[in-house]
């Protein structure tokens, strides 16, 4: 089974530091995705692949403008290292399946657009 775009996926991204090649580079190391279900923003799991260094830098610049002091998920998840953002972007995410718990399986980031 192949996945497709999840309509209404909001993208609170966890941000991390990548210090490869002797330089410190800030880039998203994984994304925490939520999906709109009515008025709720429901956690959909991690999106851990799909971006290059260039795309990561572009994502970071966009998301830095909408940082939130806390998660906007209806039922917050424990992610103490996460930097949450306002759900003002949609992610195109490809995935293989959705688990019985409602989490994305084998998800990959394909693009980001503003609401």
N, C-alpha and C. Protein backbone atom coordinates (compact mmCIF):
# COMPACT_ATOMS: atom_id res chain seq x y z
N UNK A 1 0.85 -1.18 0.00
CA UNK A 1 0.00 0.00 0.00
C UNK A 1 0.89 1.24 0.00
N UNK A 2 0.58 2.20 -0.82
CA UNK A 2 1.34 3.45 -0.81
C UNK A 2 0.48 4.54 -0.21
N UNK A 3 1.14 5.49 0.42
CA UNK A 3 0.43 6.60 1.04
C UNK A 3 0.30 7.76 0.09
N UNK A 4 -0.28 8.81 0.60
CA UNK A 4 -0.45 10.03 -0.18
C UNK A 4 -0.49 11.21 0.78
N UNK A 5 -0.82 12.36 0.26
CA UNK A 5 -0.91 13.55 1.11
C UNK A 5 -2.03 13.37 2.12
N UNK A 6 -1.77 13.75 3.34
CA UNK A 6 -2.81 13.78 4.36
C UNK A 6 -3.40 15.18 4.35
N UNK A 7 -4.65 15.35 3.94
CA UNK A 7 -5.20 16.70 3.95
C UNK A 7 -5.29 17.22 5.38
N UNK A 8 -4.93 18.47 5.57
CA UNK A 8 -5.05 19.08 6.89
C UNK A 8 -3.99 18.66 7.88
N UNK A 9 -2.85 18.16 7.42
CA UNK A 9 -1.80 17.79 8.36
C UNK A 9 -1.08 19.04 8.82
N UNK A 10 -1.09 19.29 10.11
CA UNK A 10 -0.33 20.41 10.67
C UNK A 10 1.03 19.88 11.05
N UNK A 11 2.01 20.74 11.11
CA UNK A 11 3.38 20.27 11.29
C UNK A 11 4.07 20.93 12.47
N UNK A 12 3.89 20.44 13.69
CA UNK A 12 4.74 20.92 14.77
C UNK A 12 6.07 20.19 14.64
N UNK A 13 7.15 20.88 14.39
CA UNK A 13 8.44 20.24 14.16
C UNK A 13 9.32 20.26 15.39
N UNK A 14 9.96 19.14 15.66
CA UNK A 14 11.02 19.09 16.65
C UNK A 14 12.28 19.57 15.95
N UNK A 15 13.01 20.46 16.56
CA UNK A 15 14.22 21.00 15.95
C UNK A 15 15.44 20.48 16.67
N UNK A 16 16.50 20.19 15.93
CA UNK A 16 17.71 19.68 16.55
C UNK A 16 18.94 20.25 15.91
N UNK A 17 20.08 19.92 16.44
CA UNK A 17 21.37 20.41 15.95
C UNK A 17 22.12 19.29 15.27
N UNK A 18 22.59 19.53 14.08
CA UNK A 18 23.42 18.57 13.35
C UNK A 18 24.81 19.17 13.21
N UNK A 19 25.80 18.54 13.79
CA UNK A 19 27.15 19.11 13.78
C UNK A 19 28.09 18.34 12.86
N UNK A 20 27.57 17.82 11.75
CA UNK A 20 28.42 17.06 10.84
C UNK A 20 29.33 17.98 10.04
N UNK A 21 30.33 17.43 9.44
CA UNK A 21 31.30 18.13 8.62
C UNK A 21 31.99 19.28 9.36
N UNK A 22 32.14 19.15 10.69
CA UNK A 22 32.87 20.14 11.46
C UNK A 22 32.13 21.44 11.69
N UNK A 23 30.94 21.58 11.19
CA UNK A 23 30.16 22.80 11.37
C UNK A 23 28.89 22.47 12.14
N UNK A 24 28.45 23.43 12.93
CA UNK A 24 27.14 23.25 13.56
C UNK A 24 26.09 23.75 12.57
N UNK A 25 25.12 22.90 12.30
CA UNK A 25 24.04 23.27 11.39
C UNK A 25 22.73 22.93 12.08
N UNK A 26 21.86 23.89 12.15
CA UNK A 26 20.57 23.64 12.76
C UNK A 26 19.63 23.15 11.68
N UNK A 27 18.97 22.05 11.95
CA UNK A 27 18.04 21.51 10.98
C UNK A 27 16.99 20.67 11.69
N UNK A 28 15.81 20.52 11.11
CA UNK A 28 14.85 19.60 11.72
C UNK A 28 15.41 18.19 11.65
N UNK A 29 15.41 17.48 12.75
CA UNK A 29 15.88 16.11 12.73
C UNK A 29 14.71 15.14 12.68
N UNK A 30 13.56 15.60 13.07
CA UNK A 30 12.33 14.83 12.88
C UNK A 30 11.16 15.76 13.06
N UNK A 31 10.08 15.44 12.42
CA UNK A 31 8.88 16.25 12.56
C UNK A 31 7.84 15.48 13.35
N UNK A 32 7.10 16.15 14.15
CA UNK A 32 5.98 15.57 14.87
C UNK A 32 4.72 16.10 14.18
N UNK A 33 3.94 15.23 13.60
CA UNK A 33 2.80 15.66 12.79
C UNK A 33 1.48 15.47 13.51
N UNK A 34 0.57 16.39 13.25
CA UNK A 34 -0.78 16.28 13.75
C UNK A 34 -1.76 16.49 12.61
N UNK A 35 -2.93 15.90 12.70
CA UNK A 35 -3.94 16.01 11.66
C UNK A 35 -5.20 16.63 12.26
N UNK A 36 -5.77 17.58 11.52
CA UNK A 36 -7.03 18.18 11.95
C UNK A 36 -8.16 17.17 11.81
N UNK A 37 -8.89 17.00 12.90
CA UNK A 37 -10.11 16.19 12.91
C UNK A 37 -11.18 17.04 13.57
N UNK A 38 -11.96 17.74 12.75
CA UNK A 38 -12.90 18.71 13.29
C UNK A 38 -12.12 19.85 13.93
N UNK A 39 -12.40 20.12 15.20
CA UNK A 39 -11.67 21.17 15.92
C UNK A 39 -10.41 20.66 16.59
N UNK A 40 -10.22 19.34 16.59
CA UNK A 40 -9.08 18.74 17.26
C UNK A 40 -7.86 18.69 16.35
N UNK A 41 -6.69 18.74 16.97
CA UNK A 41 -5.42 18.51 16.28
C UNK A 41 -4.84 17.25 16.91
N UNK A 42 -4.90 16.15 16.18
CA UNK A 42 -4.57 14.83 16.70
C UNK A 42 -3.16 14.41 16.28
N UNK A 43 -2.38 13.92 17.23
CA UNK A 43 -1.02 13.47 16.97
C UNK A 43 -1.02 12.31 15.99
N UNK A 44 -0.14 12.39 14.96
CA UNK A 44 -0.04 11.34 13.94
C UNK A 44 1.33 10.66 13.93
N UNK A 45 2.24 11.09 14.80
CA UNK A 45 3.54 10.44 14.88
C UNK A 45 4.65 11.24 14.24
N UNK A 46 5.79 10.57 14.08
CA UNK A 46 7.01 11.20 13.58
C UNK A 46 7.08 11.15 12.06
N UNK A 47 7.71 12.17 11.50
CA UNK A 47 8.12 12.16 10.11
C UNK A 47 9.62 12.40 10.15
N UNK A 48 10.39 11.34 9.92
CA UNK A 48 11.82 11.43 10.18
C UNK A 48 12.72 11.49 8.97
N UNK A 49 12.18 11.37 7.77
CA UNK A 49 13.02 11.41 6.57
C UNK A 49 12.37 12.28 5.50
N UNK A 50 13.14 12.56 4.47
CA UNK A 50 12.57 13.23 3.31
C UNK A 50 13.09 14.62 3.04
N UNK A 51 14.08 15.09 3.82
CA UNK A 51 14.60 16.43 3.56
C UNK A 51 16.11 16.41 3.42
N UNK A 52 16.58 17.26 2.54
CA UNK A 52 18.02 17.47 2.36
C UNK A 52 18.45 18.59 3.31
N UNK A 53 19.73 18.88 3.37
CA UNK A 53 20.22 20.00 4.19
C UNK A 53 19.61 21.32 3.73
N UNK A 54 19.54 21.50 2.42
CA UNK A 54 18.98 22.75 1.88
C UNK A 54 17.52 22.90 2.27
N UNK A 55 16.75 21.85 2.07
CA UNK A 55 15.32 21.89 2.42
C UNK A 55 15.17 22.06 3.92
N UNK A 56 15.99 21.38 4.71
CA UNK A 56 15.93 21.51 6.16
C UNK A 56 16.14 22.95 6.59
N UNK A 57 17.10 23.62 5.99
CA UNK A 57 17.36 25.02 6.31
C UNK A 57 16.18 25.91 5.95
N UNK A 58 15.57 25.65 4.81
CA UNK A 58 14.40 26.42 4.38
C UNK A 58 13.21 26.20 5.33
N UNK A 59 13.01 24.95 5.74
CA UNK A 59 11.93 24.63 6.68
C UNK A 59 12.16 25.36 7.99
N UNK A 60 13.38 25.29 8.50
CA UNK A 60 13.71 25.93 9.78
C UNK A 60 13.41 27.43 9.72
N UNK A 61 13.80 28.11 8.63
CA UNK A 61 13.55 29.54 8.50
C UNK A 61 12.06 29.84 8.55
N UNK A 62 11.25 29.01 7.89
CA UNK A 62 9.81 29.23 7.90
C UNK A 62 9.21 28.97 9.28
N UNK A 63 9.61 27.88 9.91
CA UNK A 63 9.02 27.51 11.19
C UNK A 63 9.49 28.39 12.34
N UNK A 64 10.68 28.96 12.23
CA UNK A 64 11.17 29.87 13.27
C UNK A 64 10.25 31.08 13.45
N UNK A 65 9.45 31.40 12.43
CA UNK A 65 8.56 32.56 12.52
C UNK A 65 7.27 32.26 13.28
N UNK A 66 7.02 30.98 13.58
CA UNK A 66 5.75 30.62 14.23
C UNK A 66 5.95 29.70 15.45
N UNK A 67 7.07 29.85 16.13
CA UNK A 67 7.35 29.03 17.32
C UNK A 67 6.31 29.31 18.40
N UNK A 68 5.88 28.24 19.06
CA UNK A 68 4.88 28.32 20.12
C UNK A 68 5.49 27.84 21.44
N UNK A 69 5.11 28.43 22.58
CA UNK A 69 5.68 27.98 23.85
C UNK A 69 5.23 26.57 24.24
N UNK A 70 4.14 26.07 23.63
CA UNK A 70 3.68 24.71 23.95
C UNK A 70 2.99 24.09 22.75
N UNK A 71 2.81 22.80 22.82
CA UNK A 71 2.16 22.04 21.76
C UNK A 71 0.71 22.47 21.60
N UNK A 72 0.23 22.49 20.38
CA UNK A 72 -1.17 22.82 20.09
C UNK A 72 -2.01 21.56 19.88
N UNK A 73 -1.40 20.38 20.10
CA UNK A 73 -2.14 19.13 19.96
C UNK A 73 -3.23 19.06 21.01
N UNK A 74 -4.38 18.50 20.66
CA UNK A 74 -5.50 18.39 21.60
C UNK A 74 -5.10 17.56 22.82
N UNK A 75 -4.41 16.44 22.58
CA UNK A 75 -3.87 15.62 23.66
C UNK A 75 -2.36 15.68 23.52
N UNK A 76 -1.70 16.57 24.26
CA UNK A 76 -0.24 16.74 24.12
C UNK A 76 0.51 15.43 24.34
N UNK A 77 1.60 15.28 23.61
CA UNK A 77 2.49 14.14 23.77
C UNK A 77 3.76 14.61 24.47
N UNK A 78 4.41 13.70 25.16
CA UNK A 78 5.63 14.06 25.90
C UNK A 78 6.81 14.07 24.95
N UNK A 79 7.27 15.24 24.59
CA UNK A 79 8.42 15.43 23.72
C UNK A 79 9.22 16.60 24.30
N UNK A 80 9.97 16.36 25.39
CA UNK A 80 10.64 17.45 26.10
C UNK A 80 11.66 18.22 25.26
N UNK A 81 12.22 17.62 24.23
CA UNK A 81 13.21 18.30 23.40
C UNK A 81 12.59 19.03 22.21
N UNK A 82 11.29 18.90 22.03
CA UNK A 82 10.63 19.48 20.86
C UNK A 82 10.50 20.99 20.98
N UNK A 83 10.63 21.65 19.86
CA UNK A 83 10.27 23.05 19.72
C UNK A 83 9.00 23.06 18.90
N UNK A 84 7.90 23.45 19.50
CA UNK A 84 6.60 23.39 18.84
C UNK A 84 6.33 24.68 18.06
N UNK A 85 5.53 24.55 17.03
CA UNK A 85 5.13 25.71 16.23
C UNK A 85 3.62 25.77 16.13
N UNK A 86 3.12 26.97 15.82
CA UNK A 86 1.70 27.13 15.55
C UNK A 86 1.35 26.31 14.31
N UNK A 87 0.19 25.66 14.28
CA UNK A 87 -0.17 24.83 13.13
C UNK A 87 -0.62 25.69 11.94
N UNK A 88 0.33 26.39 11.35
CA UNK A 88 0.05 27.30 10.24
C UNK A 88 0.58 26.79 8.92
N UNK A 89 1.12 25.57 8.91
CA UNK A 89 1.66 24.97 7.71
C UNK A 89 1.03 23.60 7.48
N UNK A 90 0.98 23.20 6.25
CA UNK A 90 0.58 21.84 5.89
C UNK A 90 1.78 21.12 5.35
N UNK A 91 1.92 19.85 5.71
CA UNK A 91 3.00 19.03 5.18
C UNK A 91 2.42 18.04 4.19
N UNK A 92 3.13 17.84 3.09
CA UNK A 92 2.84 16.73 2.20
C UNK A 92 3.67 15.58 2.74
N UNK A 93 2.99 14.50 3.13
CA UNK A 93 3.66 13.37 3.75
C UNK A 93 3.25 12.10 3.01
N UNK A 94 4.24 11.33 2.61
CA UNK A 94 3.98 10.03 2.01
C UNK A 94 4.17 8.99 3.11
N UNK A 95 3.30 8.00 3.16
CA UNK A 95 3.39 6.99 4.20
C UNK A 95 2.89 5.66 3.65
N UNK A 96 3.30 4.58 4.31
CA UNK A 96 2.91 3.24 3.88
C UNK A 96 1.57 2.83 4.46
N UNK A 97 1.32 3.23 5.69
CA UNK A 97 0.12 2.77 6.37
C UNK A 97 -0.12 3.65 7.60
N UNK A 98 -1.27 3.46 8.23
CA UNK A 98 -1.57 4.09 9.51
C UNK A 98 -1.84 2.95 10.48
N UNK A 99 -1.17 2.97 11.62
CA UNK A 99 -1.30 1.90 12.61
C UNK A 99 -2.68 1.93 13.27
N UNK A 100 -2.99 0.90 14.02
CA UNK A 100 -4.28 0.84 14.74
C UNK A 100 -4.36 1.95 15.80
N UNK A 101 -3.19 2.49 16.21
CA UNK A 101 -3.16 3.61 17.17
C UNK A 101 -3.31 4.95 16.46
N UNK A 102 -3.39 4.95 15.14
CA UNK A 102 -3.55 6.18 14.39
C UNK A 102 -2.25 6.88 14.04
N UNK A 103 -1.12 6.17 14.12
CA UNK A 103 0.18 6.76 13.83
C UNK A 103 0.64 6.40 12.42
N UNK A 104 1.34 7.34 11.79
CA UNK A 104 1.88 7.10 10.46
C UNK A 104 2.97 6.03 10.52
N UNK A 105 2.99 5.18 9.52
CA UNK A 105 4.02 4.14 9.42
C UNK A 105 4.87 4.42 8.19
N UNK A 106 6.18 4.40 8.35
CA UNK A 106 7.15 4.64 7.27
C UNK A 106 6.82 5.94 6.53
N UNK A 107 6.78 7.02 7.27
CA UNK A 107 6.42 8.32 6.70
C UNK A 107 7.65 9.05 6.19
N UNK A 108 7.44 9.85 5.15
CA UNK A 108 8.51 10.62 4.54
C UNK A 108 7.98 11.99 4.14
N UNK A 109 8.71 13.03 4.50
CA UNK A 109 8.34 14.41 4.20
C UNK A 109 8.52 14.68 2.70
N UNK A 110 7.52 15.32 2.08
CA UNK A 110 7.59 15.63 0.65
C UNK A 110 7.49 17.12 0.35
N UNK A 111 7.00 17.92 1.30
CA UNK A 111 6.90 19.35 1.05
C UNK A 111 6.14 20.06 2.16
N UNK A 112 6.26 21.38 2.16
CA UNK A 112 5.63 22.22 3.19
C UNK A 112 4.99 23.42 2.53
N UNK A 113 3.78 23.73 2.94
CA UNK A 113 3.13 24.94 2.42
C UNK A 113 2.37 25.62 3.56
N UNK A 114 2.27 26.92 3.46
CA UNK A 114 1.58 27.71 4.48
C UNK A 114 0.08 27.64 4.26
N UNK A 115 -0.68 27.61 5.33
CA UNK A 115 -2.15 27.61 5.29
C UNK A 115 -2.67 28.80 4.56
